[in-house]
Structures are given as C-alpha cells and as structure tokens.
C-alpha cells in the first residue's frame, strides 16, 4: 500500500473567506450579480479570488487556477479549477459594466452598485462610521510604453492610470474608489469622486451635512472648495504654508510656526 500526502493552502484563503462572509462583503457583491447559471461561480467568487491573489503572494493570473486547486477554497466552493483559468476570469471581468467619463452611459453601473452595497453591508455590521471620510489619490503604471504623467514607481516611461479612493476615517476600510486618466494633477479628480461619494451617501440614507471629508493639501483648490460646497459635505484640508492667510499665522512658545489655537504647521511649501 502506498501512502501519500497532499499539501493544501489553508490559513490565508480560509481567513479571507471567513472575513468576506462576516463582513457581508461576499453577499453584497453576489447581490449585484447573482449566479450566471446553476452550478457555476458567481462574479463575487471571481472578484474574491482575485483579491486573495493580491494579498500575500502575488501569482500571475495564469497560475491562479492551480493555486485555487491547491487551497482549501476548492473544498469549500466545490468548483473545478478549470472555472478559474485566467481566460475565464478576464472573460467574467469583461462583463462588468463600468461607465467611462463622457461616454453617455448611466453613472450607476455595476461598480457603483457594488460599492454602494458594500457600504450598506459594512454599516449594518457597525464596521464603519459615517462622520469622517478620508480622500487620497495614487497612481500605477501599465506596461504600455507611452509616458503620460508622474509615476510613484519611478516608471515615467510607461502609461499611468490614476486612482482616487475614500476610506473610513476610523478603521481605514476602503469604501469607494474612482479611476481616472494618468497625468491629471493631484486633486483634479476630486469633483468626479464627489459625485460617487454623494450617490453612495444618498443610497445609504446618510445625510451629507453629517459627513466631513479630510484630504491632503494637493486637493486644496478653489474649484474643489466650490464642489464640496455644492455637494453639501463638510471638509478639512491641509494647506501649503504659502497659502495660509497671514492673519492665521503665528509663533508658538518654542518659536515654531503655529496656525490658530494649538495647531502647528511645518512651514512646508508647495
């Protein structure tokens, strides 16, 4: 009799699977796109598997089916590995409706509905607050040799894609995001992001005037201030030192620059 052993990855995929269930994230995603047909994975399965791939070890998409087959997820989900080839995953992702800027399609697409459903799920489990949100931006390069902006990864020779995101101010959980073209100045995406934030707040029955949006000095522009007022949100923003009104500047007891009562500034310039 021959005995053998099979290695099964358990800890990370099992923990993330349990977290997706307890947080309501998996059911929220599945509510937007139910099962395509009986016995096949839902879009939520594909999204979650892709997210698990990005945590810890980052296999290429061509290896994701093999990793799924050697993990506890196959025992839990009971789908064959062939369902999660890179071709199958990209095929399902291509069915996600995402409206692009100026394409004339409705603003409420699959992505917006997923973000709204996740926010409602997180609130129902008291995982997030609804008073302070944090806005920030970053970028990532593609592998297309066409420079169109500054790259955080120092790859200015490649085409960039920008992303803005909103986090819960208490726990830092991401609540929504917005993609935009590379090369756009920092803070230039805030008006579009505010449209997304407003729709989600309204859908979750959260009063806009009860929410404060915190952002960095890169978003401190007159246009953005007017947009924040138009959307009815409160906000707190850093200012470059050279833009702080003179009447708000002062000196602390130790000689450090001080703004207002007990609020210190570094004196950093734009």
Protein backbone atom coordinates (compact mmCIF):
# COMPACT_ATOMS: atom_id res chain seq x y z
CA UNK A 1 0.00 0.00 0.00
CA UNK A 2 1.32 3.40 -0.99
CA UNK A 3 0.70 6.36 1.26
CA UNK A 4 0.99 9.96 0.16
CA UNK A 5 0.34 13.45 1.39
CA UNK A 6 -1.28 16.42 -0.31
CA UNK A 7 -0.35 19.97 0.68
CA UNK A 8 -3.35 22.29 0.91
CA UNK A 9 -3.02 26.04 1.48
CA UNK A 10 -5.36 26.81 4.34
CA UNK A 11 -4.59 29.80 6.58
CA UNK A 12 -4.74 32.89 4.37
CA UNK A 13 -7.51 31.87 1.93
CA UNK A 14 -9.65 30.47 4.75
CA UNK A 15 -9.21 33.62 6.85
CA UNK A 16 -10.12 35.91 3.94
CA UNK A 17 -13.10 33.74 3.02
CA UNK A 18 -14.41 33.93 6.59
CA UNK A 19 -13.76 37.69 6.70
CA UNK A 20 -15.70 38.20 3.45
CA UNK A 21 -18.67 36.37 4.95
CA UNK A 22 -18.64 38.00 8.38
CA UNK A 23 -18.27 41.49 6.90
CA UNK A 24 -21.12 40.89 4.45
CA UNK A 25 -18.81 41.68 1.52
CA UNK A 26 -19.37 38.40 -0.34
CA UNK A 27 -23.19 38.56 -0.15
CA UNK A 28 -23.14 42.25 -1.09
CA UNK A 29 -21.12 41.50 -4.24
CA UNK A 30 -23.29 38.50 -5.09
CA UNK A 31 -26.46 40.60 -4.75
CA UNK A 32 -25.28 42.84 -7.60
CA UNK A 33 -24.52 39.94 -9.96
CA UNK A 34 -26.22 36.63 -8.96
CA UNK A 35 -25.14 33.25 -10.34
CA UNK A 36 -24.92 33.25 -14.12
CA UNK A 37 -26.22 29.68 -14.21
CA UNK A 38 -26.80 26.94 -11.69
CA UNK A 39 -23.62 25.28 -10.53
CA UNK A 40 -21.25 27.95 -11.85
CA UNK A 41 -19.24 30.52 -9.88
CA UNK A 42 -20.77 33.95 -9.40
CA UNK A 43 -18.91 37.14 -10.21
CA UNK A 44 -18.39 37.50 -6.45
CA UNK A 45 -16.30 34.30 -6.46
CA UNK A 46 -14.07 35.68 -9.21
CA UNK A 47 -13.64 39.06 -7.50
CA UNK A 48 -12.83 37.46 -4.16
CA UNK A 49 -10.35 35.01 -5.68
CA UNK A 50 -8.58 37.87 -7.48
CA UNK A 51 -8.46 39.84 -4.20
CA UNK A 52 -6.99 36.85 -2.33
CA UNK A 53 -4.34 36.58 -5.05
CA UNK A 54 -3.29 40.17 -4.34
CA UNK A 55 -2.85 39.51 -0.61
CA UNK A 56 0.42 37.89 0.36
CA UNK A 57 1.80 36.02 -2.64
CA UNK A 58 1.06 37.65 -5.98
CA UNK A 59 0.91 34.86 -8.55
CA UNK A 60 0.38 35.68 -12.18
CA UNK A 61 -3.15 35.23 -13.48
CA UNK A 62 -2.04 32.14 -15.41
CA UNK A 63 -1.26 30.41 -12.08
CA UNK A 64 -4.40 31.38 -10.19
CA UNK A 65 -6.34 28.22 -11.17
CA UNK A 66 -3.55 25.98 -9.87
CA UNK A 67 -3.34 27.96 -6.63
CA UNK A 68 -7.11 27.72 -6.17
CA UNK A 69 -6.96 23.95 -6.74
CA UNK A 70 -4.27 23.54 -4.08
CA UNK A 71 -6.12 25.63 -1.48
CA UNK A 72 -8.98 25.00 0.91
CA UNK A 73 -11.23 27.14 -1.30
CA UNK A 74 -11.81 24.29 -3.73
CA UNK A 75 -13.03 22.12 -0.84
CA UNK A 76 -15.33 24.92 0.32
CA UNK A 77 -16.64 26.17 -3.03
CA UNK A 78 -16.61 22.80 -4.84
CA UNK A 79 -15.95 24.32 -8.26
CA UNK A 80 -13.33 22.68 -10.52
CA UNK A 81 -10.08 24.54 -11.12
CA UNK A 82 -10.97 24.94 -14.79
CA UNK A 83 -13.56 27.56 -13.79
CA UNK A 84 -10.79 29.91 -12.70
CA UNK A 85 -8.33 29.99 -15.57
CA UNK A 86 -7.01 33.44 -16.47
CA UNK A 87 -9.16 33.39 -19.62
CA UNK A 88 -12.29 32.59 -17.59
CA UNK A 89 -11.53 35.31 -15.04
CA UNK A 90 -10.89 38.04 -17.60
CA UNK A 91 -13.97 36.91 -19.50
CA UNK A 92 -16.14 37.44 -16.43
CA UNK A 93 -14.47 40.73 -15.59
CA UNK A 94 -15.24 41.97 -19.10
CA UNK A 95 -18.96 41.61 -18.31
CA UNK A 96 -18.74 44.21 -15.51
CA UNK A 97 -20.48 47.39 -16.64
CA UNK A 98 -18.30 50.40 -15.91
CA UNK A 99 -19.22 53.82 -17.29
CA UNK A 100 -16.35 55.92 -18.58
CA UNK A 101 -16.09 59.68 -18.39
CA UNK A 102 -18.19 61.27 -21.10
CA UNK A 103 -19.40 58.02 -22.68
CA UNK A 104 -23.06 58.97 -22.11
CA UNK A 105 -23.94 55.82 -20.15
CA UNK A 106 -25.70 55.92 -16.77
CA UNK A 107 -23.47 56.82 -13.84
CA UNK A 108 -24.89 53.95 -11.76
CA UNK A 109 -23.01 50.98 -13.21
CA UNK A 110 -22.01 47.63 -11.71
CA UNK A 111 -19.02 49.16 -9.97
CA UNK A 112 -21.12 51.88 -8.33
CA UNK A 113 -23.74 49.35 -7.25
CA UNK A 114 -21.06 47.10 -5.73
CA UNK A 115 -19.55 49.99 -3.78
CA UNK A 116 -22.96 51.08 -2.50
CA UNK A 117 -23.88 47.51 -1.49
CA UNK A 118 -20.58 47.08 0.36
CA UNK A 119 -21.06 50.34 2.27
CA UNK A 120 -24.55 49.29 3.39
CA UNK A 121 -23.24 45.87 4.46
CA UNK A 122 -20.37 47.37 6.46
CA UNK A 123 -22.67 49.88 8.17
CA UNK A 124 -25.18 47.22 9.13
CA UNK A 125 -22.38 45.38 10.97
CA UNK A 126 -21.03 48.60 12.53
CA UNK A 127 -17.68 48.12 10.81
CA UNK A 128 -17.51 51.74 9.62
CA UNK A 129 -18.67 55.11 10.87
CA UNK A 130 -20.35 57.82 8.87
CA UNK A 131 -18.87 61.04 10.18
CA UNK A 132 -15.29 61.25 8.86
CA UNK A 133 -14.06 60.10 5.44
CA UNK A 134 -10.52 60.38 4.12
CA UNK A 135 -9.78 61.14 0.46
CA UNK A 136 -6.45 60.40 -1.23
CA UNK A 137 -5.02 59.58 -4.65
CA UNK A 138 -2.28 57.41 -6.09
CA UNK A 139 -1.23 56.04 -9.47
CA UNK A 140 0.08 52.87 -11.02
CA UNK A 141 1.84 52.19 -14.29
CA UNK A 142 0.73 49.85 -17.05
CA UNK A 143 3.16 48.10 -19.39
CA UNK A 144 2.36 50.37 -22.35
CA UNK A 145 5.38 52.48 -23.34
CA UNK A 146 3.68 55.86 -23.51
CA UNK A 147 4.54 58.41 -20.80
CA UNK A 148 1.57 60.47 -19.60
CA UNK A 149 2.43 61.61 -16.10
CA UNK A 150 4.45 61.14 -12.93
CA UNK A 151 4.80 57.58 -11.67
CA UNK A 152 5.01 56.70 -7.98
CA UNK A 153 7.01 53.64 -9.05
CA UNK A 154 9.53 55.84 -10.97
CA UNK A 155 8.39 54.39 -14.32
CA UNK A 156 7.67 57.67 -16.09
CA UNK A 157 8.33 55.92 -19.43
CA UNK A 158 5.07 53.92 -19.10
CA UNK A 159 1.44 54.94 -19.34
CA UNK A 160 -0.07 55.79 -15.97
CA UNK A 161 -3.51 55.16 -14.51
CA UNK A 162 -4.70 57.22 -11.55
CA UNK A 163 -6.98 56.12 -8.75
CA UNK A 164 -8.67 58.12 -6.00
CA UNK A 165 -10.16 56.39 -3.01
CA UNK A 166 -12.20 57.16 0.07
CA UNK A 167 -11.51 55.48 3.41
CA UNK A 168 -13.47 55.34 6.63
CA UNK A 169 -11.76 57.76 8.99
CA UNK A 170 -11.93 55.39 11.94
CA UNK A 171 -10.78 51.98 10.75
CA UNK A 172 -9.30 52.88 7.36
CA UNK A 173 -11.57 50.50 5.45
CA UNK A 174 -11.86 51.42 1.76
CA UNK A 175 -15.40 52.43 0.83
CA UNK A 176 -15.22 53.61 -2.77
CA UNK A 177 -12.74 54.48 -5.48
CA UNK A 178 -12.61 56.15 -8.88
CA UNK A 179 -10.25 55.55 -11.81
CA UNK A 180 -9.00 58.46 -13.89
CA UNK A 181 -6.50 59.13 -16.64
CA UNK A 182 -2.82 59.40 -15.82
CA UNK A 183 -1.20 62.82 -15.84
CA UNK A 184 -4.12 64.54 -14.14
CA UNK A 185 -2.88 66.87 -11.41
CA UNK A 186 -3.32 65.72 -7.81
CA UNK A 187 -6.75 66.78 -6.61
CA UNK A 188 -8.02 67.14 -10.17
CA UNK A 189 -10.18 64.05 -9.77
CA UNK A 190 -11.98 65.22 -6.62
CA UNK A 191 -15.06 66.64 -8.45
CA UNK A 192 -15.69 63.26 -10.12
CA UNK A 193 -15.03 61.40 -6.86
CA UNK A 194 -17.55 63.63 -5.07
CA UNK A 195 -20.26 62.51 -7.48
CA UNK A 196 -19.54 58.90 -6.50
CA UNK A 197 -19.42 59.74 -2.78
CA UNK A 198 -22.70 61.66 -2.96
CA UNK A 199 -24.56 58.84 -4.68
CA UNK A 200 -23.36 56.28 -2.14
CA UNK A 201 -24.22 58.51 0.83
CA UNK A 202 -27.70 59.10 -0.57
CA UNK A 203 -28.19 55.39 -1.27
CA UNK A 204 -27.17 54.55 2.29
CA UNK A 205 -29.52 57.26 3.69
CA UNK A 206 -26.62 59.17 5.25
CA UNK A 207 -27.15 62.92 5.49
CA UNK A 208 -24.41 64.68 3.54
CA UNK A 209 -24.11 67.53 6.05
CA UNK A 210 -23.22 64.98 8.77
CA UNK A 211 -20.07 63.86 6.91
CA UNK A 212 -16.64 65.51 6.96
CA UNK A 213 -14.15 64.74 4.19
CA UNK A 214 -10.46 65.02 5.12
CA UNK A 215 -7.91 65.48 2.35
CA UNK A 216 -4.31 66.49 1.76
CA UNK A 217 -3.04 69.83 0.52
CA UNK A 218 -2.93 68.59 -3.08
CA UNK A 219 -6.74 68.82 -3.12
CA UNK A 220 -6.82 72.36 -1.71
CA UNK A 221 -8.02 74.32 -4.73
CA UNK A 222 -10.81 76.86 -5.21
CA UNK A 223 -12.58 74.60 -7.70
CA UNK A 224 -12.61 71.74 -5.21
CA UNK A 225 -13.85 74.01 -2.41
CA UNK A 226 -16.78 75.08 -4.55
CA UNK A 227 -17.53 71.45 -5.44
CA UNK A 228 -17.50 70.43 -1.77
CA UNK A 229 -19.96 73.23 -1.00
CA UNK A 230 -22.18 72.20 -3.92
CA UNK A 231 -22.29 68.60 -2.70
CA UNK A 232 -23.12 69.68 0.85
CA UNK A 233 -20.14 67.99 2.53
CA UNK A 234 -18.06 69.34 5.35
CA UNK A 235 -14.30 69.15 4.86
CA UNK A 236 -10.92 69.53 6.49
CA UNK A 237 -7.91 70.09 4.27
CA UNK A 238 -4.22 70.77 4.61
CA UNK A 239 -2.89 73.96 3.05
CA UNK A 240 0.55 74.65 1.61
CA UNK A 241 2.24 77.08 4.00
CA UNK A 242 2.47 79.82 1.38
CA UNK A 243 -1.33 79.74 1.02
CA UNK A 244 -2.17 80.10 4.72
CA UNK A 245 -3.75 83.54 5.33
CA UNK A 246 -1.43 85.90 7.18
CA UNK A 247 -3.94 86.51 9.97
CA UNK A 248 -3.89 82.79 10.83
CA UNK A 249 -0.12 82.61 11.15
CA UNK A 250 1.68 82.99 14.45
CA UNK A 251 4.53 81.77 16.61
CA UNK A 252 4.32 79.20 19.37
CA UNK A 253 6.20 79.48 22.67
CA UNK A 254 9.09 77.47 21.24
CA UNK A 255 9.30 79.57 18.10
CA UNK A 256 7.57 77.03 15.87
CA UNK A 257 5.10 78.29 13.31
CA UNK A 258 1.56 77.98 14.61
CA UNK A 259 -1.83 78.33 12.92
CA UNK A 260 -4.72 79.25 15.14
CA UNK A 261 -5.04 77.82 18.64
CA UNK A 262 -2.61 74.96 19.14
CA UNK A 263 -2.49 73.85 15.51
CA UNK A 264 1.12 73.62 14.34
CA UNK A 265 2.45 73.79 10.79
CA UNK A 266 5.77 72.61 9.45
CA UNK A 267 6.24 75.54 7.15
CA UNK A 268 6.35 73.23 4.14
CA UNK A 269 5.96 74.96 0.81
CA UNK A 270 4.13 73.67 -2.23
